[in-house]
Amino acid sequence: MKKILLIMAIVGFSSQAYAGNIFENLFRFKGVKPVMNDLYNDSCSECHYAYFPGLLPKRSWEKLMLPDALEDHFGENAELDEEDRVEVLKFLVDNAADTSFYKRSTKIVRSIPEDVTPLRITEVPYIKRKHKDLPDKYVKNNPKVKSLINCNACHRAIDKGIFDDDTILIPNYGYWSEIGD
C-alpha cells in the first residue's frame, strides 16, 4: 500500500509540473501582444512607429523613459510632462517583453543577456539575428524602407503583432516568401 501511495505521489507531482508546461504553452500566443495606449501612440507616433512594448524588456523601457533620456531621445526632444511620462512608462513596463506570454516576446527576452539593457529594438540579439542576412537593397538602399527601425514598411501585419515571414512585403520587391535571394 505504501508503494502505491508513493508511486501516486510521484506521478501526481510530476504530472503537475508537466501540466504547468503544457498550460503555459497553450496560453502563449504567437507574435507580440498588440496593445496600444492612446497617450503613448499620440506621443511617440509623431516621430516613429509606436513600437509594441513586447519588443523590449522592462529595464529598457525604464531607461528610455527617464526624463533625461527623453530630453535627448535619439537626437530628438521627446519630453513629456511628468504625469504623462509616468502613464506611458507604466503602460510600457506592464506590457514589456519580460511580462508577456507571447512567443516572440519570450524569444526576445531569452536573447538578451541579463546584464544588457538594449535601448534600440535593432540592438536586440533576436531582432538582429532575424534581419542579419537582409541585403542592403531591401533596407538601406530601399527608399521606402531606409532602416530597420521602419518596421511597418515591410511587416504588413505589425498592427496585429504578427511578424511572420509570410506577412513580410518588401516595398519594390514583393513578398519575402517569394523573393529568390
C-alpha atoms as a PDB file:
ATOM      1  CA  MET A   1       0.000   0.000   0.000  1.00  0.00           C
ATOM      2  CA  LYS A   2       2.835   2.395   0.847  1.00  0.00           C
ATOM      3  CA  LYS A   3       4.420   1.695  -2.525  1.00  0.00           C
ATOM      4  CA  ILE A   4       1.183   2.548  -4.304  1.00  0.00           C
ATOM      5  CA  LEU A   5       0.839   5.815  -2.365  1.00  0.00           C
ATOM      6  CA  LEU A   6       4.477   6.684  -3.098  1.00  0.00           C
ATOM      7  CA  ILE A   7       4.004   5.985  -6.812  1.00  0.00           C
ATOM      8  CA  MET A   8       0.789   8.032  -6.869  1.00  0.00           C
ATOM      9  CA  ALA A   9       2.528  10.933  -5.138  1.00  0.00           C
ATOM     10  CA  ILE A  10       5.454  10.861  -7.567  1.00  0.00           C
ATOM     11  CA  VAL A  11       3.145  10.657 -10.585  1.00  0.00           C
ATOM     12  CA  GLY A  12       0.902  13.377  -9.166  1.00  0.00           C
ATOM     13  CA  PHE A  13       3.757  15.827  -8.572  1.00  0.00           C
ATOM     14  CA  SER A  14       5.476  15.123 -11.867  1.00  0.00           C
ATOM     15  CA  SER A  15       2.233  15.425 -13.836  1.00  0.00           C
ATOM     16  CA  GLN A  16       1.543  18.782 -12.148  1.00  0.00           C
ATOM     17  CA  ALA A  17       4.957  20.035 -13.228  1.00  0.00           C
ATOM     18  CA  TYR A  18       4.412  18.690 -16.740  1.00  0.00           C
ATOM     19  CA  ALA A  19       0.896  20.141 -16.885  1.00  0.00           C
ATOM     20  CA  GLY A  20       2.329  23.543 -15.984  1.00  0.00           C
ATOM     21  CA  ASN A  21       4.466  23.445 -19.119  1.00  0.00           C
ATOM     22  CA  ILE A  22       1.527  22.306 -21.228  1.00  0.00           C
ATOM     23  CA  PHE A  23      -0.747  25.065 -19.946  1.00  0.00           C
ATOM     24  CA  GLU A  24       1.987  27.666 -20.268  1.00  0.00           C
ATOM     25  CA  ASN A  25       2.378  26.783 -23.952  1.00  0.00           C
ATOM     26  CA  LEU A  26      -1.376  26.616 -24.519  1.00  0.00           C
ATOM     27  CA  PHE A  27      -1.778  30.195 -23.394  1.00  0.00           C
ATOM     28  CA  ARG A  28       1.238  31.601 -25.220  1.00  0.00           C
ATOM     29  CA  PHE A  29       0.287  33.466 -28.330  1.00  0.00           C
ATOM     30  CA  LYS A  30       2.286  33.953 -31.482  1.00  0.00           C
ATOM     31  CA  GLY A  31       3.971  37.252 -32.205  1.00  0.00           C
ATOM     32  CA  VAL A  32       3.959  40.248 -29.882  1.00  0.00           C
ATOM     33  CA  LYS A  33       0.977  41.419 -27.860  1.00  0.00           C
ATOM     34  CA  PRO A  34      -0.755  44.079 -29.984  1.00  0.00           C
ATOM     35  CA  VAL A  35      -1.576  46.567 -27.255  1.00  0.00           C
ATOM     36  CA  MET A  36      -1.841  50.284 -27.613  1.00  0.00           C
ATOM     37  CA  ASN A  37      -2.321  53.233 -25.326  1.00  0.00           C
ATOM     38  CA  ASP A  38      -3.701  56.460 -26.789  1.00  0.00           C
ATOM     39  CA  LEU A  39      -1.249  58.702 -24.942  1.00  0.00           C
ATOM     40  CA  TYR A  40       1.714  56.514 -25.914  1.00  0.00           C
ATOM     41  CA  ASN A  41       0.550  56.321 -29.509  1.00  0.00           C
ATOM     42  CA  ASP A  42      -0.098  60.053 -29.795  1.00  0.00           C
ATOM     43  CA  SER A  43       3.206  60.983 -28.149  1.00  0.00           C
ATOM     44  CA  CYS A  44       5.510  58.539 -29.912  1.00  0.00           C
ATOM     45  CA  SER A  45       3.987  58.110 -33.351  1.00  0.00           C
ATOM     46  CA  GLU A  46       4.684  61.764 -34.158  1.00  0.00           C
ATOM     47  CA  CYS A  47       8.279  60.723 -34.979  1.00  0.00           C
ATOM     48  CA  HIS A  48       8.248  56.942 -35.471  1.00  0.00           C
ATOM     49  CA  TYR A  49       6.090  53.850 -35.392  1.00  0.00           C
ATOM     50  CA  ALA A  50       4.777  53.373 -31.841  1.00  0.00           C
ATOM     51  CA  TYR A  51       6.515  50.063 -31.184  1.00  0.00           C
ATOM     52  CA  PHE A  52       4.734  47.460 -29.103  1.00  0.00           C
ATOM     53  CA  PRO A  53       6.108  47.225 -25.558  1.00  0.00           C
ATOM     54  CA  GLY A  54       6.682  43.479 -26.037  1.00  0.00           C
ATOM     55  CA  LEU A  55       9.681  44.236 -28.255  1.00  0.00           C
ATOM     56  CA  LEU A  56      11.858  45.292 -25.293  1.00  0.00           C
ATOM     57  CA  PRO A  57      12.215  44.229 -21.649  1.00  0.00           C
ATOM     58  CA  LYS A  58      11.071  46.387 -18.728  1.00  0.00           C
ATOM     59  CA  ARG A  59      14.600  47.583 -17.935  1.00  0.00           C
ATOM     60  CA  SER A  60      14.921  49.024 -21.446  1.00  0.00           C
ATOM     61  CA  TRP A  61      11.633  50.926 -21.244  1.00  0.00           C
ATOM     62  CA  GLU A  62      12.524  52.210 -17.774  1.00  0.00           C
ATOM     63  CA  LYS A  63      15.813  53.587 -19.057  1.00  0.00           C
ATOM     64  CA  LEU A  64      14.294  55.037 -22.237  1.00  0.00           C
ATOM     65  CA  MET A  65      11.585  56.803 -20.253  1.00  0.00           C
ATOM     66  CA  LEU A  66      13.888  58.591 -17.803  1.00  0.00           C
ATOM     67  CA  PRO A  67      13.363  62.365 -18.038  1.00  0.00           C
ATOM     68  CA  ASP A  68      16.977  62.933 -19.157  1.00  0.00           C
ATOM     69  CA  ALA A  69      16.680  60.212 -21.803  1.00  0.00           C
ATOM     70  CA  LEU A  70      13.530  61.813 -23.197  1.00  0.00           C
ATOM     71  CA  GLU A  71      15.287  65.176 -23.487  1.00  0.00           C
ATOM     72  CA  ASP A  72      17.648  63.550 -25.977  1.00  0.00           C
ATOM     73  CA  HIS A  73      15.704  60.624 -27.425  1.00  0.00           C
ATOM     74  CA  PHE A  74      17.963  59.566 -30.291  1.00  0.00           C
ATOM     75  CA  GLY A  75      18.645  63.183 -31.186  1.00  0.00           C
ATOM     76  CA  GLU A  76      15.086  64.437 -30.647  1.00  0.00           C
ATOM     77  CA  ASN A  77      13.426  66.086 -27.684  1.00  0.00           C
ATOM     78  CA  ALA A  78      10.615  63.728 -26.651  1.00  0.00           C
ATOM     79  CA  GLU A  79       9.917  65.226 -23.234  1.00  0.00           C
ATOM     80  CA  LEU A  80       6.527  64.604 -21.671  1.00  0.00           C
ATOM     81  CA  ASP A  81       5.006  66.267 -18.657  1.00  0.00           C
ATOM     82  CA  GLU A  82       5.575  64.125 -15.569  1.00  0.00           C
ATOM     83  CA  GLU A  83       2.033  62.773 -15.324  1.00  0.00           C
ATOM     84  CA  ASP A  84       2.083  61.654 -18.967  1.00  0.00           C
ATOM     85  CA  ARG A  85       5.600  60.230 -18.661  1.00  0.00           C
ATOM     86  CA  VAL A  86       4.541  58.115 -15.682  1.00  0.00           C
ATOM     87  CA  GLU A  87       1.412  56.880 -17.501  1.00  0.00           C
ATOM     88  CA  VAL A  88       3.370  55.927 -20.629  1.00  0.00           C
ATOM     89  CA  LEU A  89       6.101  54.273 -18.556  1.00  0.00           C
ATOM     90  CA  LYS A  90       3.509  52.210 -16.665  1.00  0.00           C
ATOM     91  CA  PHE A  91       1.941  51.101 -19.944  1.00  0.00           C
ATOM     92  CA  LEU A  92       5.340  50.100 -21.376  1.00  0.00           C
ATOM     93  CA  VAL A  93       6.507  48.269 -18.238  1.00  0.00           C
ATOM     94  CA  ASP A  94       3.184  46.471 -17.731  1.00  0.00           C
ATOM     95  CA  ASN A  95       3.321  45.154 -21.302  1.00  0.00           C
ATOM     96  CA  ALA A  96       7.086  44.673 -21.729  1.00  0.00           C
ATOM     97  CA  ALA A  97       8.573  41.553 -23.293  1.00  0.00           C
ATOM     98  CA  ASP A  98       9.529  40.032 -19.943  1.00  0.00           C
ATOM     99  CA  THR A  99       5.907  40.235 -18.714  1.00  0.00           C
ATOM    100  CA  SER A 100       4.418  38.715 -21.869  1.00  0.00           C
ATOM    101  CA  PHE A 101       3.158  35.239 -22.737  1.00  0.00           C
ATOM    102  CA  TYR A 102       3.614  35.954 -26.437  1.00  0.00           C
ATOM    103  CA  LYS A 103       6.170  33.714 -28.148  1.00  0.00           C
ATOM    104  CA  ARG A 104       8.111  36.402 -29.992  1.00  0.00           C
ATOM    105  CA  SER A 105       8.427  38.479 -26.814  1.00  0.00           C
ATOM    106  CA  THR A 106       9.682  35.411 -24.957  1.00  0.00           C
ATOM    107  CA  LYS A 107      12.305  34.813 -27.663  1.00  0.00           C
ATOM    108  CA  ILE A 108      13.337  38.458 -27.459  1.00  0.00           C
ATOM    109  CA  VAL A 109      13.858  38.280 -23.696  1.00  0.00           C
ATOM    110  CA  ARG A 110      15.770  34.999 -23.893  1.00  0.00           C
ATOM    111  CA  SER A 111      18.160  36.518 -26.427  1.00  0.00           C
ATOM    112  CA  ILE A 112      19.187  39.430 -24.195  1.00  0.00           C
ATOM    113  CA  PRO A 113      21.851  38.814 -21.541  1.00  0.00           C
ATOM    114  CA  GLU A 114      20.671  39.876 -18.078  1.00  0.00           C
ATOM    115  CA  ASP A 115      23.418  42.483 -17.782  1.00  0.00           C
ATOM    116  CA  VAL A 116      22.477  44.145 -21.091  1.00  0.00           C
ATOM    117  CA  THR A 117      19.825  46.841 -21.497  1.00  0.00           C
ATOM    118  CA  PRO A 118      19.168  47.488 -25.196  1.00  0.00           C
ATOM    119  CA  LEU A 119      17.882  50.970 -25.931  1.00  0.00           C
ATOM    120  CA  ARG A 120      17.041  50.243 -29.546  1.00  0.00           C
ATOM    121  CA  ILE A 121      14.905  47.405 -30.815  1.00  0.00           C
ATOM    122  CA  THR A 122      17.522  46.915 -33.524  1.00  0.00           C
ATOM    123  CA  GLU A 123      20.069  46.125 -30.745  1.00  0.00           C
ATOM    124  CA  VAL A 124      18.083  43.116 -29.513  1.00  0.00           C
ATOM    125  CA  PRO A 125      20.043  39.955 -30.421  1.00  0.00           C
ATOM    126  CA  TYR A 126      16.909  38.122 -31.592  1.00  0.00           C
ATOM    127  CA  ILE A 127      15.922  41.012 -33.897  1.00  0.00           C
ATOM    128  CA  LYS A 128      19.487  41.320 -35.203  1.00  0.00           C
ATOM    129  CA  ARG A 129      19.595  37.580 -35.924  1.00  0.00           C
ATOM    130  CA  LYS A 130      16.270  37.673 -37.776  1.00  0.00           C
ATOM    131  CA  HIS A 131      17.476  40.517 -40.031  1.00  0.00           C
ATOM    132  CA  LYS A 132      21.199  39.725 -40.401  1.00  0.00           C
ATOM    133  CA  ASP A 133      21.029  38.259 -43.903  1.00  0.00           C
ATOM    134  CA  LEU A 134      18.937  41.009 -45.479  1.00  0.00           C
ATOM    135  CA  PRO A 135      20.733  42.566 -48.445  1.00  0.00           C
ATOM    136  CA  ASP A 136      21.116  46.357 -48.344  1.00  0.00           C
ATOM    137  CA  LYS A 137      18.925  46.684 -51.432  1.00  0.00           C
ATOM    138  CA  TYR A 138      15.897  45.639 -49.345  1.00  0.00           C
ATOM    139  CA  VAL A 139      16.527  48.003 -46.443  1.00  0.00           C
ATOM    140  CA  LYS A 140      19.249  50.670 -46.516  1.00  0.00           C
ATOM    141  CA  ASN A 141      19.144  51.249 -50.261  1.00  0.00           C
ATOM    142  CA  ASN A 142      15.364  50.938 -50.483  1.00  0.00           C
ATOM    143  CA  PRO A 143      13.858  54.466 -50.404  1.00  0.00           C
ATOM    144  CA  LYS A 144      10.602  53.116 -48.960  1.00  0.00           C
ATOM    145  CA  VAL A 145      12.343  51.350 -46.050  1.00  0.00           C
ATOM    146  CA  LYS A 146      15.719  53.073 -45.383  1.00  0.00           C
ATOM    147  CA  SER A 147      16.316  51.466 -41.970  1.00  0.00           C
ATOM    148  CA  LEU A 148      15.347  48.530 -39.785  1.00  0.00           C
ATOM    149  CA  ILE A 149      13.591  50.968 -37.443  1.00  0.00           C
ATOM    150  CA  ASN A 150      10.913  51.366 -40.104  1.00  0.00           C
ATOM    151  CA  CYS A 151       9.313  48.011 -39.188  1.00  0.00           C
ATOM    152  CA  ASN A 152       5.907  48.827 -40.626  1.00  0.00           C
ATOM    153  CA  ALA A 153       7.394  49.381 -44.095  1.00  0.00           C
ATOM    154  CA  CYS A 154       7.725  45.599 -44.569  1.00  0.00           C
ATOM    155  CA  HIS A 155       5.836  43.897 -41.744  1.00  0.00           C
ATOM    156  CA  ARG A 156       2.289  44.132 -43.080  1.00  0.00           C
ATOM    157  CA  ALA A 157       0.591  42.557 -40.056  1.00  0.00           C
ATOM    158  CA  ILE A 158       2.523  44.589 -37.481  1.00  0.00           C
ATOM    159  CA  ASP A 159      -0.646  46.217 -36.137  1.00  0.00           C
ATOM    160  CA  LYS A 160      -1.792  42.741 -35.096  1.00  0.00           C
ATOM    161  CA  GLY A 161       1.595  41.976 -33.502  1.00  0.00           C
ATOM    162  CA  ILE A 162       2.433  39.478 -36.255  1.00  0.00           C
ATOM    163  CA  PHE A 163       5.924  39.400 -37.738  1.00  0.00           C
ATOM    164  CA  ASP A 164       5.809  36.072 -39.609  1.00  0.00           C
ATOM    165  CA  ASP A 165       7.775  35.669 -42.830  1.00  0.00           C
ATOM    166  CA  ASP A 166       4.614  35.214 -44.892  1.00  0.00           C
ATOM    167  CA  THR A 167       3.386  38.678 -43.865  1.00  0.00           C
ATOM    168  CA  ILE A 168       6.550  40.493 -44.984  1.00  0.00           C
ATOM    169  CA  LEU A 169       6.119  42.589 -48.117  1.00  0.00           C
ATOM    170  CA  ILE A 170       9.319  44.413 -49.051  1.00  0.00           C
ATOM    171  CA  PRO A 171       8.473  47.594 -50.989  1.00  0.00           C
ATOM    172  CA  ASN A 172       9.642  47.437 -54.612  1.00  0.00           C
ATOM    173  CA  TYR A 173      10.486  43.707 -54.304  1.00  0.00           C
ATOM    174  CA  GLY A 174       7.447  41.710 -53.192  1.00  0.00           C
ATOM    175  CA  TYR A 175       6.647  39.176 -50.520  1.00  0.00           C
ATOM    176  CA  TRP A 176       9.653  37.808 -48.644  1.00  0.00           C
ATOM    177  CA  SER A 177       8.464  34.218 -49.212  1.00  0.00           C
ATOM    178  CA  GLU A 178       8.566  34.797 -52.990  1.00  0.00           C
ATOM    179  CA  ILE A 179      11.906  36.630 -53.288  1.00  0.00           C
ATOM    180  CA  GLY A 180      14.650  34.445 -54.704  1.00  0.00           C
ATOM    181  CA  ASP A 181      17.662  35.863 -52.807  1.00  0.00           C
END
